């Protein structure tokens, strides 16, 4: 089992969850090695790109890193998967 951040290849849901867990553990165990020691700032760096041709990317806090435009739709399955990974959804998803 991979227990170091630098050894982990994120390729699916479970490895994504493992990555977030290792990241959190590393922050708690070795805060002196982190340039920015606040978890909200770390969360700002965690994001996901949608592979749908729109160049959209969503930060874990629900803000757009690369805004796809006004009529962009995140499908229900993707919403469930993102939520399961700890992502907040953009405000327009709750309307």
C-alpha atoms as a PDB file:
ATOM      1  CA  UNK A   1       0.000   0.000   0.000  1.00  0.00           C
ATOM      2  CA  UNK A   2       1.213   3.478  -0.838  1.00  0.00           C
ATOM      3  CA  UNK A   3       1.750   5.587   2.262  1.00  0.00           C
ATOM      4  CA  UNK A   4       3.718   8.537   0.881  1.00  0.00           C
ATOM      5  CA  UNK A   5       2.296  11.421  -1.146  1.00  0.00           C
ATOM      6  CA  UNK A   6       5.071  11.302  -3.722  1.00  0.00           C
ATOM      7  CA  UNK A   7       4.443   7.580  -4.359  1.00  0.00           C
ATOM      8  CA  UNK A   8       0.720   7.904  -5.090  1.00  0.00           C
ATOM      9  CA  UNK A   9      -0.720   8.084  -8.594  1.00  0.00           C
ATOM     10  CA  UNK A  10      -4.257   9.488  -8.534  1.00  0.00           C
ATOM     11  CA  UNK A  11      -6.223   7.655 -11.192  1.00  0.00           C
ATOM     12  CA  UNK A  12      -9.629   6.859  -9.724  1.00  0.00           C
ATOM     13  CA  UNK A  13     -12.016   7.693  -6.893  1.00  0.00           C
ATOM     14  CA  UNK A  14     -10.317   5.555  -4.264  1.00  0.00           C
ATOM     15  CA  UNK A  15      -6.832   6.851  -5.021  1.00  0.00           C
ATOM     16  CA  UNK A  16      -8.234  10.386  -4.934  1.00  0.00           C
ATOM     17  CA  UNK A  17      -9.639   9.792  -1.466  1.00  0.00           C
ATOM     18  CA  UNK A  18      -6.334   8.245  -0.385  1.00  0.00           C
ATOM     19  CA  UNK A  19      -4.455  11.294  -1.737  1.00  0.00           C
ATOM     20  CA  UNK A  20      -6.634  13.717   0.243  1.00  0.00           C
ATOM     21  CA  UNK A  21      -6.196  11.610   3.371  1.00  0.00           C
ATOM     22  CA  UNK A  22      -2.387  11.481   2.977  1.00  0.00           C
ATOM     23  CA  UNK A  23      -2.305  15.224   2.287  1.00  0.00           C
ATOM     24  CA  UNK A  24      -4.267  15.934   5.457  1.00  0.00           C
ATOM     25  CA  UNK A  25      -2.100  13.545   7.520  1.00  0.00           C
ATOM     26  CA  UNK A  26       1.068  15.177   6.206  1.00  0.00           C
ATOM     27  CA  UNK A  27      -0.204  18.639   7.112  1.00  0.00           C
ATOM     28  CA  UNK A  28      -1.080  17.513  10.644  1.00  0.00           C
ATOM     29  CA  UNK A  29       2.138  15.543  11.238  1.00  0.00           C
ATOM     30  CA  UNK A  30       4.668  17.858   9.571  1.00  0.00           C
ATOM     31  CA  UNK A  31       3.266  21.404   9.531  1.00  0.00           C
ATOM     32  CA  UNK A  32       6.779  22.869   9.499  1.00  0.00           C
ATOM     33  CA  UNK A  33       7.310  21.486   5.978  1.00  0.00           C
ATOM     34  CA  UNK A  34       4.303  23.342   4.616  1.00  0.00           C
ATOM     35  CA  UNK A  35       4.858  26.839   3.307  1.00  0.00           C
ATOM     36  CA  UNK A  36       1.242  27.752   3.938  1.00  0.00           C
ATOM     37  CA  UNK A  37      -0.058  25.979   7.010  1.00  0.00           C
ATOM     38  CA  UNK A  38      -3.783  26.611   6.746  1.00  0.00           C
ATOM     39  CA  UNK A  39      -6.052  23.913   5.368  1.00  0.00           C
ATOM     40  CA  UNK A  40      -8.381  26.359   3.548  1.00  0.00           C
ATOM     41  CA  UNK A  41      -5.399  27.530   1.499  1.00  0.00           C
ATOM     42  CA  UNK A  42      -4.411  23.932   0.801  1.00  0.00           C
ATOM     43  CA  UNK A  43      -7.965  23.208  -0.318  1.00  0.00           C
ATOM     44  CA  UNK A  44      -7.725  26.094  -2.780  1.00  0.00           C
ATOM     45  CA  UNK A  45      -4.953  24.224  -4.552  1.00  0.00           C
ATOM     46  CA  UNK A  46      -6.946  20.986  -4.835  1.00  0.00           C
ATOM     47  CA  UNK A  47      -9.042  21.025  -7.981  1.00  0.00           C
ATOM     48  CA  UNK A  48     -10.389  18.802 -10.717  1.00  0.00           C
ATOM     49  CA  UNK A  49     -10.490  19.324 -14.477  1.00  0.00           C
ATOM     50  CA  UNK A  50     -13.517  18.199 -16.456  1.00  0.00           C
ATOM     51  CA  UNK A  51     -12.599  16.249 -19.577  1.00  0.00           C
ATOM     52  CA  UNK A  52     -15.434  17.522 -21.743  1.00  0.00           C
ATOM     53  CA  UNK A  53     -13.765  20.017 -24.067  1.00  0.00           C
ATOM     54  CA  UNK A  54     -14.764  23.124 -22.073  1.00  0.00           C
ATOM     55  CA  UNK A  55     -11.505  23.538 -20.120  1.00  0.00           C
ATOM     56  CA  UNK A  56     -13.559  23.738 -16.906  1.00  0.00           C
ATOM     57  CA  UNK A  57     -11.801  23.189 -13.572  1.00  0.00           C
ATOM     58  CA  UNK A  58     -13.427  23.219 -10.144  1.00  0.00           C
ATOM     59  CA  UNK A  59     -11.685  23.978  -6.833  1.00  0.00           C
ATOM     60  CA  UNK A  60     -12.530  21.766  -3.867  1.00  0.00           C
ATOM     61  CA  UNK A  61     -14.229  24.748  -2.182  1.00  0.00           C
ATOM     62  CA  UNK A  62     -16.799  24.966  -5.008  1.00  0.00           C
ATOM     63  CA  UNK A  63     -15.333  27.968  -6.812  1.00  0.00           C
ATOM     64  CA  UNK A  64     -14.328  27.738 -10.453  1.00  0.00           C
ATOM     65  CA  UNK A  65     -10.609  27.643 -11.173  1.00  0.00           C
ATOM     66  CA  UNK A  66     -11.362  27.875 -14.896  1.00  0.00           C
ATOM     67  CA  UNK A  67     -14.918  29.100 -15.366  1.00  0.00           C
ATOM     68  CA  UNK A  68     -16.675  27.284 -18.217  1.00  0.00           C
ATOM     69  CA  UNK A  69     -19.335  29.945 -18.724  1.00  0.00           C
ATOM     70  CA  UNK A  70     -22.941  30.585 -17.761  1.00  0.00           C
ATOM     71  CA  UNK A  71     -24.768  27.570 -19.168  1.00  0.00           C
ATOM     72  CA  UNK A  72     -22.361  24.872 -17.993  1.00  0.00           C
ATOM     73  CA  UNK A  73     -24.102  21.826 -16.520  1.00  0.00           C
ATOM     74  CA  UNK A  74     -22.544  19.385 -14.089  1.00  0.00           C
ATOM     75  CA  UNK A  75     -24.454  16.135 -14.486  1.00  0.00           C
ATOM     76  CA  UNK A  76     -26.030  14.459 -11.462  1.00  0.00           C
ATOM     77  CA  UNK A  77     -23.593  11.525 -11.416  1.00  0.00           C
ATOM     78  CA  UNK A  78     -20.623  13.922 -11.482  1.00  0.00           C
ATOM     79  CA  UNK A  79     -22.203  15.934  -8.647  1.00  0.00           C
ATOM     80  CA  UNK A  80     -22.495  12.786  -6.528  1.00  0.00           C
ATOM     81  CA  UNK A  81     -18.912  11.732  -7.290  1.00  0.00           C
ATOM     82  CA  UNK A  82     -17.528  15.198  -6.543  1.00  0.00           C
ATOM     83  CA  UNK A  83     -19.443  15.374  -3.262  1.00  0.00           C
ATOM     84  CA  UNK A  84     -18.153  11.921  -2.283  1.00  0.00           C
ATOM     85  CA  UNK A  85     -14.603  13.184  -2.865  1.00  0.00           C
ATOM     86  CA  UNK A  86     -15.189  16.144  -0.546  1.00  0.00           C
ATOM     87  CA  UNK A  87     -15.773  18.795  -3.200  1.00  0.00           C
ATOM     88  CA  UNK A  88     -18.332  21.519  -2.669  1.00  0.00           C
ATOM     89  CA  UNK A  89     -20.400  22.332  -5.740  1.00  0.00           C
ATOM     90  CA  UNK A  90     -20.727  25.779  -7.329  1.00  0.00           C
ATOM     91  CA  UNK A  91     -23.647  27.880  -6.075  1.00  0.00           C
ATOM     92  CA  UNK A  92     -25.536  27.441  -9.351  1.00  0.00           C
ATOM     93  CA  UNK A  93     -25.767  23.683  -8.689  1.00  0.00           C
ATOM     94  CA  UNK A  94     -27.971  24.326  -5.658  1.00  0.00           C
ATOM     95  CA  UNK A  95     -30.611  26.369  -7.488  1.00  0.00           C
END
